[in-house]
PDB file of all heavy atoms in Angstrom:
ATOM      1  N   GLU A   1      12.087 -16.311  -7.920  1.00  0.00           N
ATOM      2  CA  GLU A   1      13.432 -16.285  -7.315  1.00  0.00           C
ATOM      3  C   GLU A   1      13.695 -14.816  -6.916  1.00  0.00           C
ATOM      4  O   GLU A   1      13.470 -13.921  -7.761  1.00  0.00           O
ATOM      5  CB  GLU A   1      14.527 -16.764  -8.279  1.00  0.00           C
ATOM      6  CG  GLU A   1      14.364 -18.248  -8.606  1.00  0.00           C
ATOM      7  CD  GLU A   1      15.476 -18.749  -9.481  1.00  0.00           C
ATOM      8  OE1 GLU A   1      16.373 -17.937  -9.798  1.00  0.00           O
ATOM      9  OE2 GLU A   1      15.457 -19.951  -9.835  1.00  0.00           O
ATOM     10  N   VAL A   2      14.278 -14.641  -5.763  1.00  0.00           N
ATOM     11  CA  VAL A   2      14.493 -13.257  -5.273  1.00  0.00           C
ATOM     12  C   VAL A   2      15.958 -13.036  -4.955  1.00  0.00           C
ATOM     13  O   VAL A   2      16.575 -13.873  -4.239  1.00  0.00           O
ATOM     14  CB  VAL A   2      13.626 -12.978  -4.031  1.00  0.00           C
ATOM     15  CG1 VAL A   2      13.952 -11.577  -3.539  1.00  0.00           C
ATOM     16  CG2 VAL A   2      12.175 -13.139  -4.317  1.00  0.00           C
ATOM     17  N   ASN A   3      16.506 -11.972  -5.443  1.00  0.00           N
ATOM     18  CA  ASN A   3      17.877 -11.571  -5.139  1.00  0.00           C
ATOM     19  C   ASN A   3      17.757 -10.237  -4.452  1.00  0.00           C
ATOM     20  O   ASN A   3      17.291  -9.289  -5.021  1.00  0.00           O
ATOM     21  CB  ASN A   3      18.695 -11.458  -6.427  1.00  0.00           C
ATOM     22  CG  ASN A   3      20.108 -11.048  -6.186  1.00  0.00           C
ATOM     23  OD1 ASN A   3      20.443 -10.506  -5.104  1.00  0.00           O
ATOM     24  ND2 ASN A   3      20.948 -11.269  -7.192  1.00  0.00           N
ATOM     25  N   ASN A   4      18.211 -10.170  -3.213  1.00  0.00           N
ATOM     26  CA  ASN A   4      18.081  -8.915  -2.448  1.00  0.00           C
ATOM     27  C   ASN A   4      18.935  -7.778  -2.970  1.00  0.00           C
ATOM     28  O   ASN A   4      18.914  -6.699  -2.428  1.00  0.00           O
ATOM     29  CB  ASN A   4      18.336  -9.207  -0.978  1.00  0.00           C
ATOM     30  CG  ASN A   4      17.150  -9.805  -0.281  1.00  0.00           C
ATOM     31  OD1 ASN A   4      16.034  -9.790  -0.771  1.00  0.00           O
ATOM     32  ND2 ASN A   4      17.376 -10.306   0.927  1.00  0.00           N
ATOM     33  N   ASN A   5      19.743  -8.075  -4.021  1.00  0.00           N
ATOM     34  CA  ASN A   5      20.488  -7.006  -4.632  1.00  0.00           C
ATOM     35  C   ASN A   5      19.784  -6.441  -5.873  1.00  0.00           C
ATOM     36  O   ASN A   5      20.319  -5.616  -6.604  1.00  0.00           O
ATOM     37  CB  ASN A   5      21.899  -7.498  -4.994  1.00  0.00           C
ATOM     38  CG  ASN A   5      22.675  -7.825  -3.779  1.00  0.00           C
ATOM     39  OD1 ASN A   5      22.699  -7.091  -2.828  1.00  0.00           O
ATOM     40  ND2 ASN A   5      23.356  -8.951  -3.792  1.00  0.00           N
ATOM     41  N   THR A   6      18.586  -6.948  -6.201  1.00  0.00           N
ATOM     42  CA  THR A   6      17.940  -6.482  -7.390  1.00  0.00           C
ATOM     43  C   THR A   6      17.431  -5.049  -7.196  1.00  0.00           C
ATOM     44  O   THR A   6      17.221  -4.626  -6.019  1.00  0.00           O
ATOM     45  CB  THR A   6      16.715  -7.438  -7.703  1.00  0.00           C
ATOM     46  OG1 THR A   6      15.845  -7.448  -6.562  1.00  0.00           O
ATOM     47  CG2 THR A   6      17.153  -8.835  -8.048  1.00  0.00           C
ATOM     48  N   ASN A   7      17.148  -4.404  -8.266  1.00  0.00           N
ATOM     49  CA  ASN A   7      16.647  -3.001  -8.193  1.00  0.00           C
ATOM     50  C   ASN A   7      15.237  -3.005  -8.662  1.00  0.00           C
ATOM     51  O   ASN A   7      14.942  -3.102  -9.866  1.00  0.00           O
ATOM     52  CB  ASN A   7      17.485  -2.129  -9.050  1.00  0.00           C
ATOM     53  CG  ASN A   7      18.878  -1.965  -8.547  1.00  0.00           C
ATOM     54  OD1 ASN A   7      19.104  -1.822  -7.386  1.00  0.00           O
ATOM     55  ND2 ASN A   7      19.876  -2.036  -9.445  1.00  0.00           N
ATOM     56  N   PRO A   8      14.233  -2.881  -7.772  1.00  0.00           N
ATOM     57  CA  PRO A   8      12.786  -2.829  -8.199  1.00  0.00           C
ATOM     58  C   PRO A   8      12.554  -1.516  -8.917  1.00  0.00           C
ATOM     59  O   PRO A   8      13.328  -0.574  -8.867  1.00  0.00           O
ATOM     60  CB  PRO A   8      12.103  -2.902  -6.866  1.00  0.00           C
ATOM     61  CG  PRO A   8      12.976  -2.328  -5.861  1.00  0.00           C
ATOM     62  CD  PRO A   8      14.368  -2.718  -6.356  1.00  0.00           C
ATOM     63  N   ASN A   9      11.397  -1.507  -9.600  1.00  0.00           N
ATOM     64  CA  ASN A   9      10.963  -0.256 -10.243  1.00  0.00           C
ATOM     65  C   ASN A   9      10.390   0.710  -9.210  1.00  0.00           C
ATOM     66  O   ASN A   9       9.311   0.486  -8.668  1.00  0.00           O
ATOM     67  CB  ASN A   9       9.907  -0.622 -11.309  1.00  0.00           C
ATOM     68  CG  ASN A   9       9.462   0.561 -12.074  1.00  0.00           C
ATOM     69  OD1 ASN A   9       9.858   1.702 -11.905  1.00  0.00           O
ATOM     70  ND2 ASN A   9       8.580   0.320 -13.070  1.00  0.00           N
ATOM     71  N   ILE A  10      11.132   1.709  -8.915  1.00  0.00           N
ATOM     72  CA  ILE A  10      10.813   2.633  -7.817  1.00  0.00           C
ATOM     73  C   ILE A  10      10.404   3.996  -8.410  1.00  0.00           C
ATOM     74  O   ILE A  10      11.197   4.601  -9.119  1.00  0.00           O
ATOM     75  CB  ILE A  10      11.997   2.829  -6.804  1.00  0.00           C
ATOM     76  CG1 ILE A  10      12.451   1.502  -6.303  1.00  0.00           C
ATOM     77  CG2 ILE A  10      11.588   3.752  -5.698  1.00  0.00           C
ATOM     78  CD1 ILE A  10      13.732   1.574  -5.460  1.00  0.00           C
ATOM     79  N   SER A  11       9.252   4.477  -8.070  1.00  0.00           N
ATOM     80  CA  SER A  11       8.820   5.796  -8.527  1.00  0.00           C
ATOM     81  C   SER A  11       9.406   6.859  -7.619  1.00  0.00           C
ATOM     82  O   SER A  11       9.844   6.629  -6.471  1.00  0.00           O
ATOM     83  CB  SER A  11       7.309   5.891  -8.497  1.00  0.00           C
ATOM     84  OG  SER A  11       6.827   5.931  -7.161  1.00  0.00           O
ATOM     85  N   GLU A  12       9.354   8.124  -8.119  1.00  0.00           N
ATOM     86  CA  GLU A  12       9.766   9.273  -7.297  1.00  0.00           C
ATOM     87  C   GLU A  12       8.593   9.567  -6.337  1.00  0.00           C
ATOM     88  O   GLU A  12       7.461   9.188  -6.622  1.00  0.00           O
ATOM     89  CB  GLU A  12      10.083  10.488  -8.186  1.00  0.00           C
ATOM     90  CG  GLU A  12      11.268  10.317  -9.085  1.00  0.00           C
ATOM     91  CD  GLU A  12      12.546  10.130  -8.365  1.00  0.00           C
ATOM     92  OE1 GLU A  12      12.707  10.726  -7.267  1.00  0.00           O
ATOM     93  OE2 GLU A  12      13.408   9.376  -8.855  1.00  0.00           O
ATOM     94  N   TYR A  13       8.897  10.271  -5.233  1.00  0.00           N
ATOM     95  CA  TYR A  13       7.848  10.717  -4.367  1.00  0.00           C
ATOM     96  C   TYR A  13       6.926  11.709  -5.084  1.00  0.00           C
ATOM     97  O   TYR A  13       7.420  12.592  -5.787  1.00  0.00           O
ATOM     98  CB  TYR A  13       8.386  11.323  -3.095  1.00  0.00           C
ATOM     99  CG  TYR A  13       8.683  10.303  -2.032  1.00  0.00           C
ATOM    100  CD1 TYR A  13      10.039   9.940  -1.760  1.00  0.00           C
ATOM    101  CD2 TYR A  13       7.678   9.698  -1.267  1.00  0.00           C
ATOM    102  CE1 TYR A  13      10.308   8.963  -0.830  1.00  0.00           C
ATOM    103  CE2 TYR A  13       7.924   8.781  -0.316  1.00  0.00           C
ATOM    104  CZ  TYR A  13       9.301   8.387  -0.082  1.00  0.00           C
ATOM    105  OH  TYR A  13       9.547   7.466   0.890  1.00  0.00           O
ATOM    106  N   GLN A  14       5.624  11.611  -4.881  1.00  0.00           N
ATOM    107  CA  GLN A  14       4.654  12.417  -5.498  1.00  0.00           C
ATOM    108  C   GLN A  14       3.641  12.914  -4.438  1.00  0.00           C
ATOM    109  O   GLN A  14       3.593  12.305  -3.362  1.00  0.00           O
ATOM    110  CB  GLN A  14       3.900  11.726  -6.608  1.00  0.00           C
ATOM    111  CG  GLN A  14       4.801  11.098  -7.631  1.00  0.00           C
ATOM    112  CD  GLN A  14       4.006  10.231  -8.634  1.00  0.00           C
ATOM    113  OE1 GLN A  14       2.973  10.670  -9.162  1.00  0.00           O
ATOM    114  NE2 GLN A  14       4.453   9.001  -8.851  1.00  0.00           N
ATOM    115  N   GLU A  15       2.832  13.905  -4.807  1.00  0.00           N
ATOM    116  CA  GLU A  15       1.754  14.308  -3.950  1.00  0.00           C
ATOM    117  C   GLU A  15       0.736  13.226  -3.841  1.00  0.00           C
ATOM    118  O   GLU A  15       0.586  12.397  -4.758  1.00  0.00           O
ATOM    119  CB  GLU A  15       1.050  15.571  -4.505  1.00  0.00           C
ATOM    120  CG  GLU A  15       1.913  16.788  -4.497  1.00  0.00           C
ATOM    121  CD  GLU A  15       1.158  18.037  -5.003  1.00  0.00           C
ATOM    122  OE1 GLU A  15      -0.077  17.909  -5.205  1.00  0.00           O
ATOM    123  OE2 GLU A  15       1.766  19.092  -5.052  1.00  0.00           O
ATOM    124  N   LEU A  16       0.090  13.091  -2.706  1.00  0.00           N
ATOM    125  CA  LEU A  16      -0.861  12.035  -2.392  1.00  0.00           C
ATOM    126  C   LEU A  16      -1.991  12.044  -3.454  1.00  0.00           C
ATOM    127  O   LEU A  16      -2.542  13.105  -3.752  1.00  0.00           O
ATOM    128  CB  LEU A  16      -1.441  12.131  -1.048  1.00  0.00           C
ATOM    129  CG  LEU A  16      -0.483  11.952   0.139  1.00  0.00           C
ATOM    130  CD1 LEU A  16      -1.269  12.078   1.451  1.00  0.00           C
ATOM    131  CD2 LEU A  16       0.212  10.582   0.072  1.00  0.00           C
ATOM    132  N   PRO A  17      -2.317  10.865  -4.076  1.00  0.00           N
ATOM    133  CA  PRO A  17      -3.451  10.804  -5.006  1.00  0.00           C
ATOM    134  C   PRO A  17      -4.798  10.746  -4.294  1.00  0.00           C
ATOM    135  O   PRO A  17      -4.853  10.484  -3.048  1.00  0.00           O
ATOM    136  CB  PRO A  17      -3.190   9.520  -5.735  1.00  0.00           C
ATOM    137  CG  PRO A  17      -2.568   8.622  -4.674  1.00  0.00           C
ATOM    138  CD  PRO A  17      -1.742   9.551  -3.814  1.00  0.00           C
ATOM    139  N   GLU A  18      -5.839  10.952  -5.047  1.00  0.00           N
ATOM    140  CA  GLU A  18      -7.178  10.767  -4.483  1.00  0.00           C
ATOM    141  C   GLU A  18      -7.473   9.234  -4.402  1.00  0.00           C
ATOM    142  O   GLU A  18      -7.173   8.496  -5.332  1.00  0.00           O
ATOM    143  CB  GLU A  18      -8.234  11.395  -5.346  1.00  0.00           C
ATOM    144  CG  GLU A  18      -9.627  11.311  -4.826  1.00  0.00           C
ATOM    145  CD  GLU A  18     -10.613  12.028  -5.740  1.00  0.00           C
ATOM    146  OE1 GLU A  18     -10.759  11.663  -6.882  1.00  0.00           O
ATOM    147  OE2 GLU A  18     -11.295  13.008  -5.265  1.00  0.00           O
ATOM    148  N   ILE A  19      -7.927   8.799  -3.245  1.00  0.00           N
ATOM    149  CA  ILE A  19      -8.229   7.390  -3.087  1.00  0.00           C
ATOM    150  C   ILE A  19      -9.707   7.205  -2.579  1.00  0.00           C
ATOM    151  O   ILE A  19     -10.229   8.089  -1.929  1.00  0.00           O
ATOM    152  CB  ILE A  19      -7.297   6.752  -2.036  1.00  0.00           C
ATOM    153  CG1 ILE A  19      -7.351   7.398  -0.669  1.00  0.00           C
ATOM    154  CG2 ILE A  19      -5.850   6.730  -2.538  1.00  0.00           C
ATOM    155  CD1 ILE A  19      -6.570   6.773   0.437  1.00  0.00           C
ATOM    156  N   PRO A  20     -10.313   6.111  -2.884  1.00  0.00           N
ATOM    157  CA  PRO A  20     -11.639   5.765  -2.337  1.00  0.00           C
ATOM    158  C   PRO A  20     -11.586   5.501  -0.842  1.00  0.00           C
ATOM    159  O   PRO A  20     -10.706   4.771  -0.368  1.00  0.00           O
ATOM    160  CB  PRO A  20     -12.081   4.576  -3.104  1.00  0.00           C
ATOM    161  CG  PRO A  20     -10.835   3.881  -3.521  1.00  0.00           C
ATOM    162  CD  PRO A  20      -9.828   4.954  -3.732  1.00  0.00           C
ATOM    163  N   ASP A  21     -12.450   6.080  -0.081  1.00  0.00           N
ATOM    164  CA  ASP A  21     -12.416   5.887   1.381  1.00  0.00           C
ATOM    165  C   ASP A  21     -13.170   4.609   1.726  1.00  0.00           C
ATOM    166  O   ASP A  21     -14.249   4.652   2.331  1.00  0.00           O
ATOM    167  CB  ASP A  21     -13.042   7.110   2.069  1.00  0.00           C
ATOM    168  CG  ASP A  21     -12.704   7.146   3.555  1.00  0.00           C
ATOM    169  OD1 ASP A  21     -11.798   6.413   3.987  1.00  0.00           O
ATOM    170  OD2 ASP A  21     -13.364   7.899   4.265  1.00  0.00           O
ATOM    171  N   ILE A  22     -12.564   3.480   1.430  1.00  0.00           N
ATOM    172  CA  ILE A  22     -13.239   2.214   1.600  1.00  0.00           C
ATOM    173  C   ILE A  22     -13.259   1.781   3.076  1.00  0.00           C
ATOM    174  O   ILE A  22     -12.423   2.196   3.902  1.00  0.00           O
ATOM    175  CB  ILE A  22     -12.546   1.135   0.762  1.00  0.00           C
ATOM    176  CG1 ILE A  22     -11.078   0.902   1.199  1.00  0.00           C
ATOM    177  CG2 ILE A  22     -12.586   1.457  -0.716  1.00  0.00           C
ATOM    178  CD1 ILE A  22     -10.425  -0.255   0.490  1.00  0.00           C
ATOM    179  N   LEU A  23     -14.290   1.007   3.392  1.00  0.00           N
ATOM    180  CA  LEU A  23     -14.442   0.435   4.730  1.00  0.00           C
ATOM    181  C   LEU A  23     -13.712  -0.900   4.733  1.00  0.00           C
ATOM    182  O   LEU A  23     -13.925  -1.763   3.906  1.00  0.00           O
ATOM    183  CB  LEU A  23     -15.913   0.246   5.018  1.00  0.00           C
ATOM    184  CG  LEU A  23     -16.257  -0.247   6.454  1.00  0.00           C
ATOM    185  CD1 LEU A  23     -15.834   0.775   7.477  1.00  0.00           C
ATOM    186  CD2 LEU A  23     -17.729  -0.532   6.557  1.00  0.00           C
ATOM    187  N   MET A  24     -12.821  -1.073   5.697  1.00  0.00           N
ATOM    188  CA  MET A  24     -12.062  -2.307   5.824  1.00  0.00           C
ATOM    189  C   MET A  24     -12.259  -2.931   7.160  1.00  0.00           C
ATOM    190  O   MET A  24     -12.703  -2.311   8.151  1.00  0.00           O
ATOM    191  CB  MET A  24     -10.600  -2.017   5.561  1.00  0.00           C
ATOM    192  CG  MET A  24     -10.315  -1.236   4.334  1.00  0.00           C
ATOM    193  SD  MET A  24      -8.655  -1.446   3.659  1.00  0.00           S
ATOM    194  CE  MET A  24      -8.908  -2.970   2.783  1.00  0.00           C
ATOM    195  N   VAL A  25     -11.875  -4.249   7.216  1.00  0.00           N
ATOM    196  CA  VAL A  25     -12.006  -5.007   8.442  1.00  0.00           C
ATOM    197  C   VAL A  25     -10.603  -5.572   8.785  1.00  0.00           C
ATOM    198  O   VAL A  25      -9.960  -6.125   7.855  1.00  0.00           O
ATOM    199  CB  VAL A  25     -13.038  -6.167   8.331  1.00  0.00           C
ATOM    200  CG1 VAL A  25     -13.087  -6.935   9.612  1.00  0.00           C
ATOM    201  CG2 VAL A  25     -14.377  -5.615   7.985  1.00  0.00           C
ATOM    202  N   ASN A  26     -10.180  -5.494   9.995  1.00  0.00           N
ATOM    203  CA  ASN A  26      -8.860  -6.042  10.363  1.00  0.00           C
ATOM    204  C   ASN A  26      -8.955  -7.494  10.865  1.00  0.00           C
ATOM    205  O   ASN A  26     -10.058  -8.034  10.957  1.00  0.00           O
ATOM    206  CB  ASN A  26      -8.122  -5.106  11.348  1.00  0.00           C
ATOM    207  CG  ASN A  26      -8.699  -5.125  12.747  1.00  0.00           C
ATOM    208  OD1 ASN A  26      -9.601  -5.950  13.068  1.00  0.00           O
ATOM    209  ND2 ASN A  26      -8.188  -4.295  13.594  1.00  0.00           N
ATOM    210  N   GLN A  27      -7.825  -8.034  11.266  1.00  0.00           N
ATOM    211  CA  GLN A  27      -7.746  -9.406  11.666  1.00  0.00           C
ATOM    212  C   GLN A  27      -8.490  -9.717  12.999  1.00  0.00           C
ATOM    213  O   GLN A  27      -8.765 -10.836  13.309  1.00  0.00           O
ATOM    214  CB  GLN A  27      -6.271  -9.860  11.816  1.00  0.00           C
ATOM    215  CG  GLN A  27      -5.608  -9.242  13.019  1.00  0.00           C
ATOM    216  CD  GLN A  27      -5.099  -7.794  12.828  1.00  0.00           C
ATOM    217  OE1 GLN A  27      -4.909  -7.370  11.692  1.00  0.00           O
ATOM    218  NE2 GLN A  27      -4.950  -7.071  13.911  1.00  0.00           N
ATOM    219  N   ASP A  28      -8.886  -8.667  13.675  1.00  0.00           N
ATOM    220  CA  ASP A  28      -9.702  -8.806  14.885  1.00  0.00           C
ATOM    221  C   ASP A  28     -11.145  -8.467  14.722  1.00  0.00           C
ATOM    222  O   ASP A  28     -11.939  -8.466  15.683  1.00  0.00           O
ATOM    223  CB  ASP A  28      -9.141  -7.917  16.017  1.00  0.00           C
ATOM    224  CG  ASP A  28      -7.728  -8.358  16.399  1.00  0.00           C
ATOM    225  OD1 ASP A  28      -7.454  -9.565  16.511  1.00  0.00           O
ATOM    226  OD2 ASP A  28      -6.882  -7.464  16.521  1.00  0.00           O
ATOM    227  N   GLY A  29     -11.573  -8.236  13.433  1.00  0.00           N
ATOM    228  CA  GLY A  29     -12.961  -7.982  13.158  1.00  0.00           C
ATOM    229  C   GLY A  29     -13.407  -6.551  13.301  1.00  0.00           C
ATOM    230  O   GLY A  29     -14.592  -6.266  13.181  1.00  0.00           O
ATOM    231  N   TYR A  30     -12.473  -5.606  13.546  1.00  0.00           N
ATOM    232  CA  TYR A  30     -12.842  -4.201  13.687  1.00  0.00           C
ATOM    233  C   TYR A  30     -12.890  -3.508  12.396  1.00  0.00           C
ATOM    234  O   TYR A  30     -11.978  -3.676  11.548  1.00  0.00           O
ATOM    235  CB  TYR A  30     -11.842  -3.505  14.630  1.00  0.00           C
ATOM    236  CG  TYR A  30     -11.897  -3.991  16.064  1.00  0.00           C
ATOM    237  CD1 TYR A  30     -10.865  -4.735  16.608  1.00  0.00           C
ATOM    238  CD2 TYR A  30     -13.023  -3.737  16.870  1.00  0.00           C
ATOM    239  CE1 TYR A  30     -10.907  -5.204  17.929  1.00  0.00           C
ATOM    240  CE2 TYR A  30     -13.068  -4.222  18.194  1.00  0.00           C
ATOM    241  CZ  TYR A  30     -12.001  -4.914  18.695  1.00  0.00           C
ATOM    242  OH  TYR A  30     -12.048  -5.435  20.037  1.00  0.00           O
ATOM    243  N   GLN A  31     -13.942  -2.735  12.142  1.00  0.00           N
ATOM    244  CA  GLN A  31     -14.062  -1.978  10.889  1.00  0.00           C
ATOM    245  C   GLN A  31     -13.551  -0.595  11.038  1.00  0.00           C
ATOM    246  O   GLN A  31     -13.841   0.138  12.031  1.00  0.00           O
ATOM    247  CB  GLN A  31     -15.534  -1.909  10.498  1.00  0.00           C
ATOM    248  CG  GLN A  31     -16.144  -3.271  10.148  1.00  0.00           C
ATOM    249  CD  GLN A  31     -17.569  -3.134   9.548  1.00  0.00           C
ATOM    250  OE1 GLN A  31     -18.070  -2.018   9.364  1.00  0.00           O
ATOM    251  NE2 GLN A  31     -18.185  -4.246   9.258  1.00  0.00           N
ATOM    252  N   ARG A  32     -12.834  -0.100  10.010  1.00  0.00           N
ATOM    253  CA  ARG A  32     -12.367   1.274  10.001  1.00  0.00           C
ATOM    254  C   ARG A  32     -12.243   1.744   8.513  1.00  0.00           C
ATOM    255  O   ARG A  32     -11.994   0.949   7.602  1.00  0.00           O
ATOM    256  CB  ARG A  32     -10.929   1.401  10.553  1.00  0.00           C
ATOM    257  CG  ARG A  32     -10.897   1.139  12.066  1.00  0.00           C
ATOM    258  CD  ARG A  32      -9.492   1.324  12.543  1.00  0.00           C
ATOM    259  NE  ARG A  32      -9.071   2.752  12.598  1.00  0.00           N
ATOM    260  CZ  ARG A  32      -7.810   3.115  12.731  1.00  0.00           C
ATOM    261  NH1 ARG A  32      -6.819   2.223  12.918  1.00  0.00           N
ATOM    262  NH2 ARG A  32      -7.480   4.398  12.731  1.00  0.00           N
ATOM    263  N   ARG A  33     -12.482   2.990   8.264  1.00  0.00           N
ATOM    264  CA  ARG A  33     -12.299   3.616   6.966  1.00  0.00           C
ATOM    265  C   ARG A  33     -10.792   3.707   6.740  1.00  0.00           C
ATOM    266  O   ARG A  33      -9.971   3.953   7.648  1.00  0.00           O
ATOM    267  CB  ARG A  33     -12.928   5.018   6.934  1.00  0.00           C
ATOM    268  CG  ARG A  33     -14.458   4.956   6.948  1.00  0.00           C
ATOM    269  CD  ARG A  33     -14.973   4.607   5.569  1.00  0.00           C
ATOM    270  NE  ARG A  33     -16.451   4.510   5.551  1.00  0.00           N
ATOM    271  CZ  ARG A  33     -17.126   4.094   4.491  1.00  0.00           C
ATOM    272  NH1 ARG A  33     -16.490   3.812   3.373  1.00  0.00           N
ATOM    273  NH2 ARG A  33     -18.443   3.995   4.573  1.00  0.00           N
TER     274      ARG A  33
END
């Protein structure tokens, strides 16, 4: 059940973390990092 007045758990803005540069495919079949 969803109430649009609820308060989700929101973090503060932070510096960008390190992420794995994974290869992905979109809905049209195109691959991009």
